[in-house]
C-alpha atoms as a PDB file:
ATOM      1  CA  MET A   1      16.344 -12.626  -7.660  1.00  0.00           C
ATOM      2  CA  LEU A   2      13.735 -11.187  -4.717  1.00  0.00           C
ATOM      3  CA  THR A   3      14.786 -13.090  -1.697  1.00  0.00           C
ATOM      4  CA  VAL A   4      12.981 -13.278   1.323  1.00  0.00           C
ATOM      5  CA  SER A   5      14.604 -14.772   4.626  1.00  0.00           C
ATOM      6  CA  HIS A   6      12.643 -15.361   7.755  1.00  0.00           C
ATOM      7  CA  LEU A   7      10.474 -12.819   8.145  1.00  0.00           C
ATOM      8  CA  SER A   8       7.501 -11.542  11.120  1.00  0.00           C
ATOM      9  CA  LEU A   9       5.091  -9.070  11.938  1.00  0.00           C
ATOM     10  CA  SER A  10       2.904  -8.333  14.330  1.00  0.00           C
ATOM     11  CA  ARG A  11       0.194  -5.884  15.098  1.00  0.00           C
ATOM     12  CA  GLY A  12      -0.545  -4.928  18.285  1.00  0.00           C
ATOM     13  CA  HIS A  13      -0.735  -8.234  19.642  1.00  0.00           C
ATOM     14  CA  ARG A  14      -1.602 -10.898  17.000  1.00  0.00           C
ATOM     15  CA  ARG A  15       1.040 -12.418  14.834  1.00  0.00           C
ATOM     16  CA  LEU A  16       0.549 -11.911  11.195  1.00  0.00           C
ATOM     17  CA  PHE A  17       3.037 -14.317  10.022  1.00  0.00           C
ATOM     18  CA  SER A  18       6.329 -15.256  10.851  1.00  0.00           C
ATOM     19  CA  ASP A  19       9.110 -17.555   9.352  1.00  0.00           C
ATOM     20  CA  VAL A  20       8.220 -16.222   6.064  1.00  0.00           C
ATOM     21  CA  SER A  21      10.822 -17.451   3.299  1.00  0.00           C
ATOM     22  CA  PHE A  22      10.708 -18.032  -0.080  1.00  0.00           C
ATOM     23  CA  SER A  23      13.532 -16.766  -3.532  1.00  0.00           C
ATOM     24  CA  LEU A  24      11.753 -15.542  -6.408  1.00  0.00           C
ATOM     25  CA  MET A  25      14.289 -15.870  -9.858  1.00  0.00           C
ATOM     26  CA  PRO A  26      13.438 -14.260 -13.827  1.00  0.00           C
ATOM     27  CA  GLY A  27      10.993 -16.145 -15.310  1.00  0.00           C
ATOM     28  CA  GLN A  28       9.145 -17.626 -12.095  1.00  0.00           C
ATOM     29  CA  TRP A  29       5.720 -16.449 -11.181  1.00  0.00           C
ATOM     30  CA  LEU A  30       4.835 -17.226  -6.363  1.00  0.00           C
ATOM     31  CA  HIS A  31       1.408 -17.499  -6.563  1.00  0.00           C
ATOM     32  CA  LEU A  32       0.326 -15.833  -2.132  1.00  0.00           C
ATOM     33  CA  GLU A  33      -1.583 -18.409  -0.743  1.00  0.00           C
ATOM     34  CA  GLY A  34      -3.558 -17.648   2.364  1.00  0.00           C
ATOM     35  CA  ASP A  35      -6.470 -16.635   4.209  1.00  0.00           C
ATOM     36  CA  ASN A  36      -8.514 -13.743   4.807  1.00  0.00           C
ATOM     37  CA  GLY A  37      -6.849 -11.646   7.150  1.00  0.00           C
ATOM     38  CA  VAL A  38      -3.778 -14.047   7.455  1.00  0.00           C
ATOM     39  CA  GLY A  39      -1.520 -11.217   6.560  1.00  0.00           C
ATOM     40  CA  LYS A  40      -1.177 -11.083   2.290  1.00  0.00           C
ATOM     41  CA  THR A  41      -1.933  -7.496   1.392  1.00  0.00           C
ATOM     42  CA  SER A  42       0.560  -7.204   4.649  1.00  0.00           C
ATOM     43  CA  LEU A  43       2.782  -8.933   3.403  1.00  0.00           C
ATOM     44  CA  LEU A  44       3.446  -6.854  -0.537  1.00  0.00           C
ATOM     45  CA  ARG A  45       3.124  -3.530   1.509  1.00  0.00           C
ATOM     46  CA  LEU A  46       6.175  -4.893   3.758  1.00  0.00           C
ATOM     47  CA  LEU A  47       7.930  -6.071   0.414  1.00  0.00           C
ATOM     48  CA  CYS A  48       7.270  -3.230  -1.373  1.00  0.00           C
ATOM     49  CA  GLY A  49       8.783  -0.832   1.737  1.00  0.00           C
ATOM     50  CA  LEU A  50       5.590   0.687   2.752  1.00  0.00           C
ATOM     51  CA  GLY A  51       5.716  -0.592   6.477  1.00  0.00           C
ATOM     52  CA  VAL A  52       9.018  -2.620   8.927  1.00  0.00           C
ATOM     53  CA  TRP A  53       9.085  -6.352   9.566  1.00  0.00           C
ATOM     54  CA  GLU A  54      10.090  -6.992  12.868  1.00  0.00           C
ATOM     55  CA  GLN A  55      12.353 -10.303  12.200  1.00  0.00           C
ATOM     56  CA  GLY A  56      13.677 -11.259   8.830  1.00  0.00           C
ATOM     57  CA  GLU A  57      15.355  -9.499   5.900  1.00  0.00           C
ATOM     58  CA  VAL A  58      14.528  -9.269   2.423  1.00  0.00           C
ATOM     59  CA  THR A  59      16.892  -8.414  -0.617  1.00  0.00           C
ATOM     60  CA  TRP A  60      17.026  -7.918  -4.376  1.00  0.00           C
ATOM     61  CA  LYS A  61      20.105  -8.948  -6.501  1.00  0.00           C
ATOM     62  CA  ASN A  62      21.347  -9.806  -3.172  1.00  0.00           C
ATOM     63  CA  GLN A  63      21.342  -6.298  -1.263  1.00  0.00           C
ATOM     64  CA  SER A  64      18.992  -5.408   1.627  1.00  0.00           C
ATOM     65  CA  ILE A  65      16.243  -2.732   0.416  1.00  0.00           C
ATOM     66  CA  VAL A  66      16.913  -1.357   3.353  1.00  0.00           C
ATOM     67  CA  GLN A  67      19.819  -0.536   2.635  1.00  0.00           C
ATOM     68  CA  GLU A  68      19.307   0.262  -1.298  1.00  0.00           C
ATOM     69  CA  PRO A  69      15.891   1.128  -1.327  1.00  0.00           C
ATOM     70  CA  GLU A  70      15.846   3.481  -4.725  1.00  0.00           C
ATOM     71  CA  ASN A  71      17.821   0.837  -6.582  1.00  0.00           C
ATOM     72  CA  PHE A  72      14.537  -2.013  -5.542  1.00  0.00           C
ATOM     73  CA  ARG A  73      11.990   0.764  -5.911  1.00  0.00           C
ATOM     74  CA  ALA A  74      13.216   1.004  -9.945  1.00  0.00           C
ATOM     75  CA  ASP A  75      12.570  -2.670 -10.560  1.00  0.00           C
ATOM     76  CA  LEU A  76       9.331  -2.815  -8.623  1.00  0.00           C
ATOM     77  CA  LEU A  77       5.764  -2.301 -10.102  1.00  0.00           C
ATOM     78  CA  TYR A  78       3.221  -2.743  -7.150  1.00  0.00           C
ATOM     79  CA  LEU A  79      -0.182  -3.156  -8.343  1.00  0.00           C
ATOM     80  CA  GLY A  80      -3.142  -2.949  -4.506  1.00  0.00           C
ATOM     81  CA  HIS A  81      -6.335  -2.561  -3.478  1.00  0.00           C
ATOM     82  CA  GLN A  82      -5.937   0.900  -4.251  1.00  0.00           C
ATOM     83  CA  LEU A  83      -6.356   1.802  -7.767  1.00  0.00           C
ATOM     84  CA  ALA A  84      -3.728   5.939  -7.744  1.00  0.00           C
ATOM     85  CA  LEU A  85      -6.133   6.783 -10.476  1.00  0.00           C
ATOM     86  CA  LYS A  86      -7.213  10.621 -10.742  1.00  0.00           C
ATOM     87  CA  GLU A  87     -10.364  10.941 -10.738  1.00  0.00           C
ATOM     88  CA  ASP A  88     -10.667  13.902 -12.810  1.00  0.00           C
ATOM     89  CA  LEU A  89      -8.283  12.725 -14.959  1.00  0.00           C
ATOM     90  CA  SER A  90      -8.505  10.967 -18.009  1.00  0.00           C
ATOM     91  CA  PRO A  91      -7.120   7.609 -18.091  1.00  0.00           C
ATOM     92  CA  LEU A  92      -5.060   8.547 -20.724  1.00  0.00           C
ATOM     93  CA  GLU A  93      -3.251  11.301 -18.503  1.00  0.00           C
ATOM     94  CA  ASN A  94      -3.426   9.488 -15.288  1.00  0.00           C
ATOM     95  CA  LEU A  95      -0.830   6.215 -17.572  1.00  0.00           C
ATOM     96  CA  ARG A  96       1.004   9.304 -18.829  1.00  0.00           C
ATOM     97  CA  ALA A  97       1.467  10.938 -15.281  1.00  0.00           C
ATOM     98  CA  ASP A  98       2.703   7.601 -14.273  1.00  0.00           C
ATOM     99  CA  ALA A  99       5.172   7.261 -17.088  1.00  0.00           C
ATOM    100  CA  LEU A 100       7.003  10.713 -16.333  1.00  0.00           C
ATOM    101  CA  VAL A 101       7.426  10.232 -12.647  1.00  0.00           C
ATOM    102  CA  ALA A 102       8.427   6.643 -12.979  1.00  0.00           C
ATOM    103  CA  GLY A 103      10.525   8.005 -15.213  1.00  0.00           C
ATOM    104  CA  ARG A 104       9.384   6.162 -18.408  1.00  0.00           C
ATOM    105  CA  ASP A 105       8.369   6.318 -21.600  1.00  0.00           C
ATOM    106  CA  GLY A 106       4.660   7.792 -21.643  1.00  0.00           C
ATOM    107  CA  SER A 107       4.457   8.721 -25.347  1.00  0.00           C
ATOM    108  CA  VAL A 108       0.667   9.038 -26.448  1.00  0.00           C
ATOM    109  CA  ASP A 109       1.148   5.995 -28.860  1.00  0.00           C
ATOM    110  CA  ARG A 110       2.532   3.966 -26.311  1.00  0.00           C
ATOM    111  CA  VAL A 111       0.134   4.946 -23.677  1.00  0.00           C
ATOM    112  CA  MET A 112      -3.162   4.402 -25.873  1.00  0.00           C
ATOM    113  CA  ALA A 113      -1.815   1.223 -27.440  1.00  0.00           C
ATOM    114  CA  ALA A 114      -1.814   0.224 -23.679  1.00  0.00           C
ATOM    115  CA  LEU A 115      -4.890   1.043 -23.091  1.00  0.00           C
ATOM    116  CA  GLY A 116      -6.954  -0.158 -25.905  1.00  0.00           C
ATOM    117  CA  GLN A 117      -5.003  -3.891 -25.386  1.00  0.00           C
ATOM    118  CA  MET A 118      -6.719  -3.230 -22.195  1.00  0.00           C
ATOM    119  CA  GLY A 119     -10.613  -2.717 -23.904  1.00  0.00           C
ATOM    120  CA  LEU A 120     -10.642   0.208 -23.236  1.00  0.00           C
ATOM    121  CA  ARG A 121     -10.415   1.740 -26.700  1.00  0.00           C
ATOM    122  CA  GLY A 122     -12.600   4.832 -27.320  1.00  0.00           C
ATOM    123  CA  ARG A 123     -12.537   5.486 -23.452  1.00  0.00           C
ATOM    124  CA  GLU A 124      -9.333   7.058 -23.445  1.00  0.00           C
ATOM    125  CA  HIS A 125     -10.401  11.040 -23.209  1.00  0.00           C
ATOM    126  CA  LEU A 126     -12.766  10.424 -20.906  1.00  0.00           C
ATOM    127  CA  PRO A 127     -12.811  11.018 -16.871  1.00  0.00           C
ATOM    128  CA  VAL A 128     -11.917   8.209 -15.189  1.00  0.00           C
ATOM    129  CA  ARG A 129     -14.606   8.659 -12.579  1.00  0.00           C
ATOM    130  CA  VAL A 130     -17.866   8.207 -15.232  1.00  0.00           C
ATOM    131  CA  LEU A 131     -16.080   4.885 -15.660  1.00  0.00           C
ATOM    132  CA  SER A 132     -17.318   1.453 -14.526  1.00  0.00           C
ATOM    133  CA  GLN A 133     -15.116  -0.197 -11.687  1.00  0.00           C
ATOM    134  CA  GLY A 134     -14.191  -2.950 -14.234  1.00  0.00           C
ATOM    135  CA  GLN A 135     -12.778  -0.214 -16.514  1.00  0.00           C
ATOM    136  CA  LYS A 136     -11.031   1.987 -14.127  1.00  0.00           C
ATOM    137  CA  ARG A 137      -9.264  -1.699 -12.783  1.00  0.00           C
ATOM    138  CA  ARG A 138      -7.860  -2.028 -16.458  1.00  0.00           C
ATOM    139  CA  THR A 139      -6.849   1.441 -16.570  1.00  0.00           C
ATOM    140  CA  ALA A 140      -4.353   0.534 -13.378  1.00  0.00           C
ATOM    141  CA  LEU A 141      -3.803  -2.967 -15.214  1.00  0.00           C
ATOM    142  CA  ALA A 142      -2.697  -1.019 -18.081  1.00  0.00           C
ATOM    143  CA  ARG A 143       0.178   0.334 -16.062  1.00  0.00           C
ATOM    144  CA  LEU A 144       1.671  -3.208 -16.498  1.00  0.00           C
ATOM    145  CA  LEU A 145       2.098  -2.949 -20.405  1.00  0.00           C
ATOM    146  CA  ILE A 146       4.209   0.634 -20.209  1.00  0.00           C
ATOM    147  CA  SER A 147       6.815  -0.656 -17.306  1.00  0.00           C
ATOM    148  CA  ARG A 148       9.940  -1.791 -18.000  1.00  0.00           C
ATOM    149  CA  ALA A 149      10.112  -3.286 -13.925  1.00  0.00           C
ATOM    150  CA  PRO A 150      11.241  -6.943 -13.826  1.00  0.00           C
ATOM    151  CA  LEU A 151       9.960  -7.438 -10.768  1.00  0.00           C
ATOM    152  CA  TRP A 152       5.732  -6.911 -10.786  1.00  0.00           C
ATOM    153  CA  ILE A 153       3.469  -7.586  -7.180  1.00  0.00           C
ATOM    154  CA  LEU A 154       0.201  -7.352  -8.044  1.00  0.00           C
ATOM    155  CA  ASP A 155      -2.430  -7.983  -4.982  1.00  0.00           C
ATOM    156  CA  GLU A 156      -6.147  -9.621  -6.758  1.00  0.00           C
ATOM    157  CA  PRO A 157      -5.883  -8.603  -9.958  1.00  0.00           C
ATOM    158  CA  PHE A 158      -8.074  -9.765 -11.900  1.00  0.00           C
ATOM    159  CA  VAL A 159     -10.615  -8.817  -9.357  1.00  0.00           C
ATOM    160  CA  ALA A 160     -13.799  -6.846 -11.093  1.00  0.00           C
ATOM    161  CA  LEU A 161     -12.111  -8.706 -14.838  1.00  0.00           C
ATOM    162  CA  ASP A 162     -14.762 -10.084 -16.659  1.00  0.00           C
ATOM    163  CA  ALA A 163     -13.258 -12.918 -18.524  1.00  0.00           C
ATOM    164  CA  ALA A 164     -12.348 -10.964 -22.194  1.00  0.00           C
ATOM    165  CA  ALA A 165      -9.753  -8.773 -19.892  1.00  0.00           C
ATOM    166  CA  GLN A 166      -8.536 -11.863 -17.520  1.00  0.00           C
ATOM    167  CA  ASN A 167      -7.824 -13.199 -20.566  1.00  0.00           C
ATOM    168  CA  ALA A 168      -6.107  -9.981 -21.162  1.00  0.00           C
ATOM    169  CA  LEU A 169      -4.445  -9.775 -17.993  1.00  0.00           C
ATOM    170  CA  SER A 170      -3.298 -12.784 -18.542  1.00  0.00           C
ATOM    171  CA  GLY A 171      -1.266 -11.879 -22.008  1.00  0.00           C
ATOM    172  CA  VAL A 172       0.537  -9.172 -20.661  1.00  0.00           C
ATOM    173  CA  ILE A 173       1.518 -11.286 -17.528  1.00  0.00           C
ATOM    174  CA  ASN A 174       2.444 -13.893 -19.934  1.00  0.00           C
ATOM    175  CA  ALA A 175       4.700 -11.990 -22.073  1.00  0.00           C
ATOM    176  CA  HIS A 176       6.800  -9.955 -18.787  1.00  0.00           C
ATOM    177  CA  LEU A 177       6.877 -13.988 -17.805  1.00  0.00           C
ATOM    178  CA  ASN A 178       8.250 -14.918 -21.051  1.00  0.00           C
ATOM    179  CA  ASP A 179      10.839 -11.568 -21.686  1.00  0.00           C
ATOM    180  CA  ALA A 180      12.084 -12.932 -17.965  1.00  0.00           C
ATOM    181  CA  GLY A 181      10.160 -11.402 -15.475  1.00  0.00           C
ATOM    182  CA  MET A 182       9.305 -12.197 -12.473  1.00  0.00           C
ATOM    183  CA  LEU A 183       5.605 -11.675 -10.520  1.00  0.00           C
ATOM    184  CA  LEU A 184       4.145 -12.462  -6.855  1.00  0.00           C
ATOM    185  CA  VAL A 185       0.732 -12.092  -6.910  1.00  0.00           C
ATOM    186  CA  THR A 186      -2.275 -13.370  -5.308  1.00  0.00           C
ATOM    187  CA  SER A 187      -5.829 -14.431  -5.375  1.00  0.00           C
ATOM    188  CA  HIS A 188      -8.613 -16.179  -4.709  1.00  0.00           C
ATOM    189  CA  GLN A 189      -9.053 -17.568  -8.382  1.00  0.00           C
ATOM    190  CA  PRO A 190      -7.017 -20.479  -9.723  1.00  0.00           C
ATOM    191  CA  LEU A 191      -4.237 -19.474 -12.145  1.00  0.00           C
ATOM    192  CA  SER A 192      -2.758 -21.242 -15.307  1.00  0.00           C
ATOM    193  CA  LEU A 193       0.553 -18.752 -16.549  1.00  0.00           C
ATOM    194  CA  GLN A 194       3.332 -19.492 -18.145  1.00  0.00           C
ATOM    195  CA  GLY A 195       6.450 -19.578 -16.790  1.00  0.00           C
ATOM    196  CA  GLN A 196       7.840 -21.606 -13.586  1.00  0.00           C
ATOM    197  CA  ALA A 197       4.853 -21.679 -11.193  1.00  0.00           C
ATOM    198  CA  LEU A 198       5.986 -21.381  -7.590  1.00  0.00           C
ATOM    199  CA  SER A 199       3.056 -20.977  -4.429  1.00  0.00           C
ATOM    200  CA  TYR A 200       3.945 -20.275  -0.805  1.00  0.00           C
ATOM    201  CA  ARG A 201       1.318 -20.255   1.263  1.00  0.00           C
ATOM    202  CA  LEU A 202       1.152 -17.513   4.169  1.00  0.00           C
ATOM    203  CA  THR A 203      -0.274 -19.010   7.717  1.00  0.00           C
ATOM    204  CA  ALA A 204      -0.304 -17.661  11.732  1.00  0.00           C
END
């Protein structure tokens, strides 16, 4: 279980958010909402260990993510605005390298199947630099299909996807939730996913 308790963050003299509290259990997904600039991405990055908050606490399985960061990161998959793809490598090479670093199954068959499910069949061996923005986005999202992490944190995952890719991504997320996975997500569009839906509106 992920528990966020009374989290606060400022940038300079500006308070981004304060007293943020919520929890997430297996099979649940939480839609993090809020106006542009209110700090949604900053909050997600904090929850991934990519920053330091001023007040509050975040625990994973009743352990502080500050005191036990490696245990938390092993159970986490974060996909943000930056796709983190090497332009000179192919989608297949990028995902196999990711899996190797994470200690996950990066076999050719498994990665090829993931890319095919995200609509990239026939483009698995092309350099990422020649792909469209939507195809690059789908390459990054194919990481979800080779991940065993129970907690997914996704920042605007449906951006730059056509209707078919959005449906494919929804199916991947639903399978994760039905397998007792957890999801924390931002999105400017309405979401219709399986599992127990929660929401939290972030304000300054």
